[in-house]
Amino acid sequence: MGNKTYKLYDYLCEKENYESRDSQKKFFDIVQETIDNGGIKIIQAPTGTGKTYGYLIPIIESQQKAIISTGTKLLQEQLRNDVDNLKSFYYKLTGNNVFRLVMKGKNNYLCLDRFNNYQGKPAEMLVEIGGKT
């Protein structure tokens, strides 16, 4: 396991009574290594590992952009809720905002036309939830 400390995760465990899981910390390290060094990783983990927070926390703490695609409407809504929860905790912890944009098409999945049209558009197209403006 890496040496990086994930302040957001520590905060969640200490102040919000989240359960600390070694498998999730390993997940953080794999994602962070990929952020730092580039490349592609495919990670398979069982239910209950904490996969969503496992990739979102390193992305948020590294202040990186990411495109996350899901296979179902239920997972889309779960992801939206998880991002919004982490966003509010991250703001409480650091005073920094996290921005997210949901791009759904006709079938409620990523619409390539909307994605391509978004490229280079002004910042007001970003959806910002809570925090300072």
N, C-alpha and C. Protein backbone atom coordinates (compact mmCIF):
# COMPACT_ATOMS: atom_id res chain seq x y z
N MET A 1 0.84 -1.18 0.00
CA MET A 1 0.00 0.00 0.00
C MET A 1 0.88 1.24 0.00
N GLY A 2 0.45 2.28 -0.72
CA GLY A 2 1.24 3.50 -0.86
C GLY A 2 1.28 4.32 0.42
N ASN A 3 2.06 5.38 0.38
CA ASN A 3 2.24 6.24 1.54
C ASN A 3 1.28 7.42 1.55
N LYS A 4 0.55 7.63 0.47
CA LYS A 4 -0.31 8.81 0.37
C LYS A 4 -1.41 8.75 1.41
N THR A 5 -1.66 9.92 2.00
CA THR A 5 -2.76 10.06 2.94
C THR A 5 -3.92 10.72 2.21
N TYR A 6 -5.08 10.18 2.35
CA TYR A 6 -6.27 10.72 1.72
C TYR A 6 -7.07 11.45 2.79
N LYS A 7 -6.93 12.76 2.82
CA LYS A 7 -7.53 13.58 3.87
C LYS A 7 -9.05 13.45 3.89
N LEU A 8 -9.65 13.39 2.72
CA LEU A 8 -11.10 13.27 2.65
C LEU A 8 -11.56 11.95 3.26
N TYR A 9 -10.86 10.89 2.93
CA TYR A 9 -11.20 9.57 3.48
C TYR A 9 -10.99 9.54 5.00
N ASP A 10 -9.88 10.09 5.45
CA ASP A 10 -9.63 10.15 6.90
C ASP A 10 -10.73 10.93 7.61
N TYR A 11 -11.13 12.04 6.99
CA TYR A 11 -12.21 12.85 7.56
C TYR A 11 -13.50 12.03 7.65
N LEU A 12 -13.84 11.33 6.58
CA LEU A 12 -15.07 10.53 6.57
C LEU A 12 -15.04 9.46 7.65
N CYS A 13 -13.89 8.83 7.82
CA CYS A 13 -13.77 7.77 8.83
C CYS A 13 -13.82 8.33 10.26
N GLU A 14 -13.15 9.46 10.47
CA GLU A 14 -13.07 10.03 11.81
C GLU A 14 -14.33 10.79 12.22
N LYS A 15 -14.87 11.60 11.32
CA LYS A 15 -15.97 12.51 11.68
C LYS A 15 -17.35 12.01 11.26
N GLU A 16 -17.40 11.20 10.24
CA GLU A 16 -18.69 10.77 9.70
C GLU A 16 -18.96 9.28 9.92
N ASN A 17 -18.07 8.63 10.68
CA ASN A 17 -18.23 7.22 11.06
C ASN A 17 -18.27 6.25 9.88
N TYR A 18 -17.55 6.59 8.81
CA TYR A 18 -17.40 5.64 7.70
C TYR A 18 -16.43 4.55 8.14
N GLU A 19 -16.65 3.35 7.64
CA GLU A 19 -15.79 2.21 7.98
C GLU A 19 -14.53 2.24 7.12
N SER A 20 -13.38 2.20 7.77
CA SER A 20 -12.11 2.14 7.06
C SER A 20 -11.89 0.71 6.56
N ARG A 21 -11.59 0.58 5.26
CA ARG A 21 -11.40 -0.75 4.67
C ARG A 21 -10.05 -0.80 3.97
N ASP A 22 -9.27 -1.83 4.29
CA ASP A 22 -7.96 -1.98 3.65
C ASP A 22 -8.10 -2.15 2.14
N SER A 23 -9.14 -2.88 1.70
CA SER A 23 -9.33 -3.08 0.26
C SER A 23 -9.61 -1.75 -0.44
N GLN A 24 -10.30 -0.85 0.22
CA GLN A 24 -10.59 0.45 -0.37
C GLN A 24 -9.31 1.30 -0.44
N LYS A 25 -8.48 1.22 0.57
CA LYS A 25 -7.21 1.96 0.56
C LYS A 25 -6.32 1.46 -0.58
N LYS A 26 -6.33 0.15 -0.81
CA LYS A 26 -5.56 -0.40 -1.92
C LYS A 26 -6.10 0.13 -3.25
N PHE A 27 -7.41 0.22 -3.34
CA PHE A 27 -8.07 0.78 -4.52
C PHE A 27 -7.62 2.22 -4.75
N PHE A 28 -7.60 3.03 -3.67
CA PHE A 28 -7.12 4.42 -3.76
C PHE A 28 -5.73 4.47 -4.37
N ASP A 29 -4.86 3.61 -3.85
CA ASP A 29 -3.46 3.63 -4.29
C ASP A 29 -3.32 3.27 -5.77
N ILE A 30 -4.11 2.31 -6.23
CA ILE A 30 -4.05 1.93 -7.65
C ILE A 30 -4.52 3.10 -8.52
N VAL A 31 -5.61 3.74 -8.12
CA VAL A 31 -6.14 4.88 -8.88
C VAL A 31 -5.14 6.03 -8.84
N GLN A 32 -4.58 6.32 -7.67
CA GLN A 32 -3.63 7.43 -7.56
C GLN A 32 -2.38 7.18 -8.39
N GLU A 33 -1.91 5.95 -8.41
CA GLU A 33 -0.75 5.61 -9.23
C GLU A 33 -1.04 5.88 -10.71
N THR A 34 -2.25 5.55 -11.14
CA THR A 34 -2.64 5.78 -12.52
C THR A 34 -2.75 7.28 -12.81
N ILE A 35 -3.27 8.05 -11.86
CA ILE A 35 -3.34 9.51 -12.02
C ILE A 35 -1.93 10.07 -12.13
N ASP A 36 -1.03 9.62 -11.27
CA ASP A 36 0.34 10.15 -11.23
C ASP A 36 1.17 9.75 -12.45
N ASN A 37 1.02 8.50 -12.89
CA ASN A 37 1.90 7.95 -13.92
C ASN A 37 1.23 7.77 -15.28
N GLY A 38 -0.07 7.98 -15.34
CA GLY A 38 -0.78 7.76 -16.59
C GLY A 38 -1.03 6.29 -16.81
N GLY A 39 -1.63 5.99 -17.92
CA GLY A 39 -1.92 4.60 -18.24
C GLY A 39 -3.36 4.25 -17.98
N ILE A 40 -3.62 2.97 -18.07
CA ILE A 40 -4.98 2.45 -17.89
C ILE A 40 -4.91 1.29 -16.91
N LYS A 41 -5.85 1.25 -16.00
CA LYS A 41 -5.97 0.13 -15.07
C LYS A 41 -7.40 -0.39 -15.14
N ILE A 42 -7.54 -1.68 -15.12
CA ILE A 42 -8.85 -2.31 -15.01
C ILE A 42 -8.86 -3.00 -13.66
N ILE A 43 -9.81 -2.59 -12.82
CA ILE A 43 -9.86 -3.09 -11.44
C ILE A 43 -11.18 -3.81 -11.24
N GLN A 44 -11.10 -5.03 -10.78
CA GLN A 44 -12.29 -5.80 -10.45
C GLN A 44 -12.31 -5.98 -8.95
N ALA A 45 -13.44 -5.71 -8.34
CA ALA A 45 -13.55 -5.84 -6.88
C ALA A 45 -14.97 -6.24 -6.53
N PRO A 46 -15.14 -7.00 -5.46
CA PRO A 46 -16.47 -7.47 -5.09
C PRO A 46 -17.34 -6.35 -4.51
N THR A 47 -18.63 -6.63 -4.44
CA THR A 47 -19.58 -5.73 -3.79
C THR A 47 -19.12 -5.46 -2.37
N GLY A 48 -19.23 -4.20 -1.96
CA GLY A 48 -18.86 -3.84 -0.60
C GLY A 48 -17.44 -3.35 -0.45
N THR A 49 -16.69 -3.35 -1.54
CA THR A 49 -15.30 -2.89 -1.50
C THR A 49 -15.24 -1.38 -1.35
N GLY A 50 -16.21 -0.69 -1.90
CA GLY A 50 -16.20 0.77 -1.90
C GLY A 50 -15.56 1.31 -3.16
N LYS A 51 -15.92 0.69 -4.28
CA LYS A 51 -15.29 1.05 -5.56
C LYS A 51 -15.55 2.51 -5.95
N THR A 52 -16.77 2.98 -5.78
CA THR A 52 -17.09 4.33 -6.21
C THR A 52 -16.25 5.35 -5.46
N TYR A 53 -16.23 5.28 -4.15
CA TYR A 53 -15.37 6.19 -3.38
C TYR A 53 -13.91 5.88 -3.66
N GLY A 54 -13.61 4.63 -3.99
CA GLY A 54 -12.24 4.21 -4.28
C GLY A 54 -11.63 4.96 -5.46
N TYR A 55 -12.43 5.31 -6.44
CA TYR A 55 -11.89 6.11 -7.55
C TYR A 55 -12.22 7.58 -7.41
N LEU A 56 -13.36 7.93 -6.79
CA LEU A 56 -13.71 9.34 -6.69
C LEU A 56 -12.79 10.13 -5.75
N ILE A 57 -12.43 9.55 -4.62
CA ILE A 57 -11.61 10.30 -3.65
C ILE A 57 -10.26 10.67 -4.23
N PRO A 58 -9.51 9.76 -4.85
CA PRO A 58 -8.24 10.20 -5.46
C PRO A 58 -8.43 11.23 -6.58
N ILE A 59 -9.49 11.09 -7.36
CA ILE A 59 -9.76 12.06 -8.43
C ILE A 59 -10.02 13.44 -7.81
N ILE A 60 -10.86 13.49 -6.80
CA ILE A 60 -11.20 14.76 -6.15
C ILE A 60 -9.97 15.37 -5.49
N GLU A 61 -9.23 14.57 -4.73
CA GLU A 61 -8.07 15.12 -4.01
C GLU A 61 -6.95 15.54 -4.96
N SER A 62 -6.87 14.91 -6.11
CA SER A 62 -5.86 15.29 -7.11
C SER A 62 -6.34 16.44 -7.99
N GLN A 63 -7.59 16.84 -7.80
CA GLN A 63 -8.22 17.90 -8.58
C GLN A 63 -8.12 17.62 -10.08
N GLN A 64 -8.41 16.38 -10.43
CA GLN A 64 -8.36 15.93 -11.82
C GLN A 64 -9.75 15.89 -12.43
N LYS A 65 -9.82 15.96 -13.74
CA LYS A 65 -11.06 15.76 -14.46
C LYS A 65 -11.18 14.28 -14.80
N ALA A 66 -12.41 13.80 -14.85
CA ALA A 66 -12.63 12.40 -15.19
C ALA A 66 -13.96 12.26 -15.91
N ILE A 67 -14.03 11.31 -16.79
CA ILE A 67 -15.29 10.93 -17.42
C ILE A 67 -15.64 9.56 -16.86
N ILE A 68 -16.82 9.47 -16.28
CA ILE A 68 -17.26 8.22 -15.67
C ILE A 68 -18.57 7.84 -16.35
N SER A 69 -18.59 6.66 -16.93
CA SER A 69 -19.77 6.16 -17.61
C SER A 69 -20.33 4.98 -16.84
N THR A 70 -21.65 4.92 -16.72
CA THR A 70 -22.29 3.82 -16.00
C THR A 70 -23.20 3.06 -16.95
N GLY A 71 -23.58 1.87 -16.54
CA GLY A 71 -24.39 1.00 -17.39
C GLY A 71 -25.88 1.07 -17.16
N THR A 72 -26.31 1.67 -16.05
CA THR A 72 -27.74 1.72 -15.76
C THR A 72 -28.12 3.08 -15.18
N LYS A 73 -29.41 3.40 -15.25
CA LYS A 73 -29.92 4.64 -14.66
C LYS A 73 -29.71 4.64 -13.15
N LEU A 74 -29.91 3.49 -12.52
CA LEU A 74 -29.71 3.38 -11.08
C LEU A 74 -28.28 3.74 -10.69
N LEU A 75 -27.32 3.22 -11.43
CA LEU A 75 -25.91 3.55 -11.13
C LEU A 75 -25.62 5.01 -11.40
N GLN A 76 -26.26 5.60 -12.40
CA GLN A 76 -26.07 7.03 -12.67
C GLN A 76 -26.50 7.85 -11.46
N GLU A 77 -27.66 7.53 -10.92
CA GLU A 77 -28.18 8.28 -9.77
C GLU A 77 -27.34 8.04 -8.52
N GLN A 78 -26.90 6.79 -8.33
CA GLN A 78 -26.00 6.50 -7.20
C GLN A 78 -24.72 7.31 -7.31
N LEU A 79 -24.16 7.36 -8.49
CA LEU A 79 -22.93 8.10 -8.72
C LEU A 79 -23.14 9.58 -8.46
N ARG A 80 -24.24 10.12 -8.95
CA ARG A 80 -24.54 11.54 -8.72
C ARG A 80 -24.62 11.81 -7.21
N ASN A 81 -25.31 10.95 -6.47
CA ASN A 81 -25.43 11.12 -5.02
C ASN A 81 -24.07 11.02 -4.34
N ASP A 82 -23.26 10.06 -4.74
CA ASP A 82 -21.93 9.89 -4.14
C ASP A 82 -21.05 11.11 -4.40
N VAL A 83 -21.07 11.61 -5.64
CA VAL A 83 -20.27 12.80 -5.97
C VAL A 83 -20.74 13.98 -5.14
N ASP A 84 -22.05 14.17 -5.05
CA ASP A 84 -22.58 15.30 -4.28
C ASP A 84 -22.22 15.19 -2.79
N ASN A 85 -22.27 13.98 -2.24
CA ASN A 85 -21.88 13.78 -0.84
C ASN A 85 -20.40 14.10 -0.64
N LEU A 86 -19.56 13.54 -1.48
CA LEU A 86 -18.12 13.79 -1.36
C LEU A 86 -17.81 15.26 -1.58
N LYS A 87 -18.51 15.87 -2.50
CA LYS A 87 -18.31 17.29 -2.79
C LYS A 87 -18.57 18.13 -1.54
N SER A 88 -19.66 17.86 -0.85
CA SER A 88 -19.98 18.66 0.35
C SER A 88 -18.97 18.42 1.46
N PHE A 89 -18.53 17.19 1.65
CA PHE A 89 -17.52 16.91 2.67
C PHE A 89 -16.17 17.54 2.30
N TYR A 90 -15.81 17.48 1.02
CA TYR A 90 -14.54 18.05 0.57
C TYR A 90 -14.55 19.57 0.77
N TYR A 91 -15.67 20.21 0.49
CA TYR A 91 -15.77 21.65 0.70
C TYR A 91 -15.65 21.97 2.19
N LYS A 92 -16.33 21.19 3.02
CA LYS A 92 -16.27 21.39 4.48
C LYS A 92 -14.83 21.25 4.97
N LEU A 93 -14.10 20.31 4.41
CA LEU A 93 -12.73 20.01 4.84
C LEU A 93 -11.72 21.02 4.30
N THR A 94 -11.87 21.43 3.05
CA THR A 94 -10.83 22.23 2.39
C THR A 94 -11.26 23.63 1.98
N GLY A 95 -12.56 23.86 1.86
CA GLY A 95 -13.04 25.13 1.33
C GLY A 95 -12.99 25.19 -0.19
N ASN A 96 -12.61 24.09 -0.83
CA ASN A 96 -12.53 24.02 -2.29
C ASN A 96 -13.76 23.35 -2.87
N ASN A 97 -14.19 23.85 -4.02
CA ASN A 97 -15.34 23.28 -4.72
C ASN A 97 -14.93 22.09 -5.57
N VAL A 98 -15.88 21.23 -5.81
CA VAL A 98 -15.76 20.15 -6.78
C VAL A 98 -16.87 20.38 -7.78
N PHE A 99 -16.52 20.38 -9.06
CA PHE A 99 -17.50 20.61 -10.10
C PHE A 99 -17.82 19.29 -10.79
N ARG A 100 -19.08 19.15 -11.18
CA ARG A 100 -19.48 17.97 -11.92
C ARG A 100 -20.49 18.35 -12.97
N LEU A 101 -20.53 17.57 -14.00
CA LEU A 101 -21.44 17.79 -15.11
C LEU A 101 -22.00 16.43 -15.50
N VAL A 102 -23.30 16.35 -15.61
CA VAL A 102 -23.95 15.12 -16.04
C VAL A 102 -24.42 15.33 -17.47
N MET A 103 -24.04 14.42 -18.33
CA MET A 103 -24.41 14.55 -19.75
C MET A 103 -25.14 13.28 -20.17
N LYS A 104 -26.47 13.39 -20.28
CA LYS A 104 -27.28 12.25 -20.68
C LYS A 104 -27.89 12.51 -22.03
N GLY A 105 -28.05 11.47 -22.80
CA GLY A 105 -28.66 11.57 -24.12
C GLY A 105 -30.07 11.01 -24.13
N LYS A 106 -30.52 10.65 -25.31
CA LYS A 106 -31.89 10.19 -25.50
C LYS A 106 -32.21 8.97 -24.64
N ASN A 107 -31.25 8.12 -24.45
CA ASN A 107 -31.47 6.91 -23.65
C ASN A 107 -30.93 7.05 -22.24
N ASN A 108 -30.72 8.29 -21.79
CA ASN A 108 -30.23 8.59 -20.45
C ASN A 108 -28.80 8.14 -20.23
N TYR A 109 -28.04 8.07 -21.28
CA TYR A 109 -26.62 7.75 -21.19
C TYR A 109 -25.84 8.87 -21.85
N LEU A 110 -24.54 8.82 -21.80
CA LEU A 110 -23.72 9.85 -22.40
C LEU A 110 -24.10 10.03 -23.86
N CYS A 111 -24.44 11.25 -24.21
CA CYS A 111 -24.81 11.57 -25.59
C CYS A 111 -23.59 12.20 -26.26
N LEU A 112 -23.05 11.52 -27.27
CA LEU A 112 -21.83 12.01 -27.92
C LEU A 112 -22.05 13.37 -28.58
N ASP A 113 -23.24 13.62 -29.12
CA ASP A 113 -23.52 14.93 -29.71
C ASP A 113 -23.42 16.03 -28.66
N ARG A 114 -24.04 15.82 -27.50
CA ARG A 114 -23.97 16.82 -26.44
C ARG A 114 -22.55 16.96 -25.92
N PHE A 115 -21.84 15.86 -25.80
CA PHE A 115 -20.45 15.91 -25.35
C PHE A 115 -19.60 16.72 -26.32
N ASN A 116 -19.73 16.42 -27.61
CA ASN A 116 -18.95 17.14 -28.62
C ASN A 116 -19.33 18.61 -28.69
N ASN A 117 -20.61 18.92 -28.51
CA ASN A 117 -21.05 20.31 -28.51
C ASN A 117 -20.57 21.07 -27.28
N TYR A 118 -20.35 20.35 -26.19
CA TYR A 118 -19.89 20.97 -24.94
C TYR A 118 -18.44 21.43 -25.05
N GLN A 119 -17.64 20.74 -25.82
CA GLN A 119 -16.22 21.06 -25.93
C GLN A 119 -16.02 22.53 -26.24
N GLY A 120 -15.28 23.23 -25.38
CA GLY A 120 -14.95 24.63 -25.60
C GLY A 120 -16.05 25.61 -25.24
N LYS A 121 -17.13 25.14 -24.65
CA LYS A 121 -18.22 26.04 -24.27
C LYS A 121 -17.85 26.78 -22.98
N PRO A 122 -18.53 27.89 -22.70
CA PRO A 122 -18.22 28.67 -21.51
C PRO A 122 -18.49 27.91 -20.21
N ALA A 123 -17.86 28.38 -19.16
CA ALA A 123 -17.94 27.72 -17.86
C ALA A 123 -19.35 27.66 -17.30
N GLU A 124 -20.27 28.54 -17.74
CA GLU A 124 -21.61 28.51 -17.17
C GLU A 124 -22.36 27.23 -17.52
N MET A 125 -21.83 26.44 -18.45
CA MET A 125 -22.46 25.16 -18.74
C MET A 125 -22.18 24.14 -17.65
N LEU A 126 -21.19 24.40 -16.82
CA LEU A 126 -20.88 23.49 -15.72
C LEU A 126 -21.97 23.60 -14.66
N VAL A 127 -22.32 22.48 -14.10
CA VAL A 127 -23.30 22.46 -13.01
C VAL A 127 -22.53 22.38 -11.72
N GLU A 128 -22.72 23.35 -10.86
CA GLU A 128 -21.99 23.37 -9.59
C GLU A 128 -23.03 23.23 -8.49
N ILE A 129 -22.83 22.28 -7.62
CA ILE A 129 -23.78 22.01 -6.55
C ILE A 129 -23.18 22.46 -5.23
N GLY A 130 -23.82 23.41 -4.55
CA GLY A 130 -23.39 23.87 -3.23
C GLY A 130 -22.05 24.59 -3.24
N GLY A 131 -21.59 24.94 -2.05
CA GLY A 131 -20.29 25.58 -1.90
C GLY A 131 -20.29 27.03 -2.36
N LYS A 132 -19.11 27.61 -2.38
CA LYS A 132 -18.94 29.00 -2.82
C LYS A 132 -19.06 29.06 -4.34
N THR A 133 -19.50 30.19 -4.84
CA THR A 133 -19.56 30.38 -6.29
C THR A 133 -18.41 31.26 -6.73
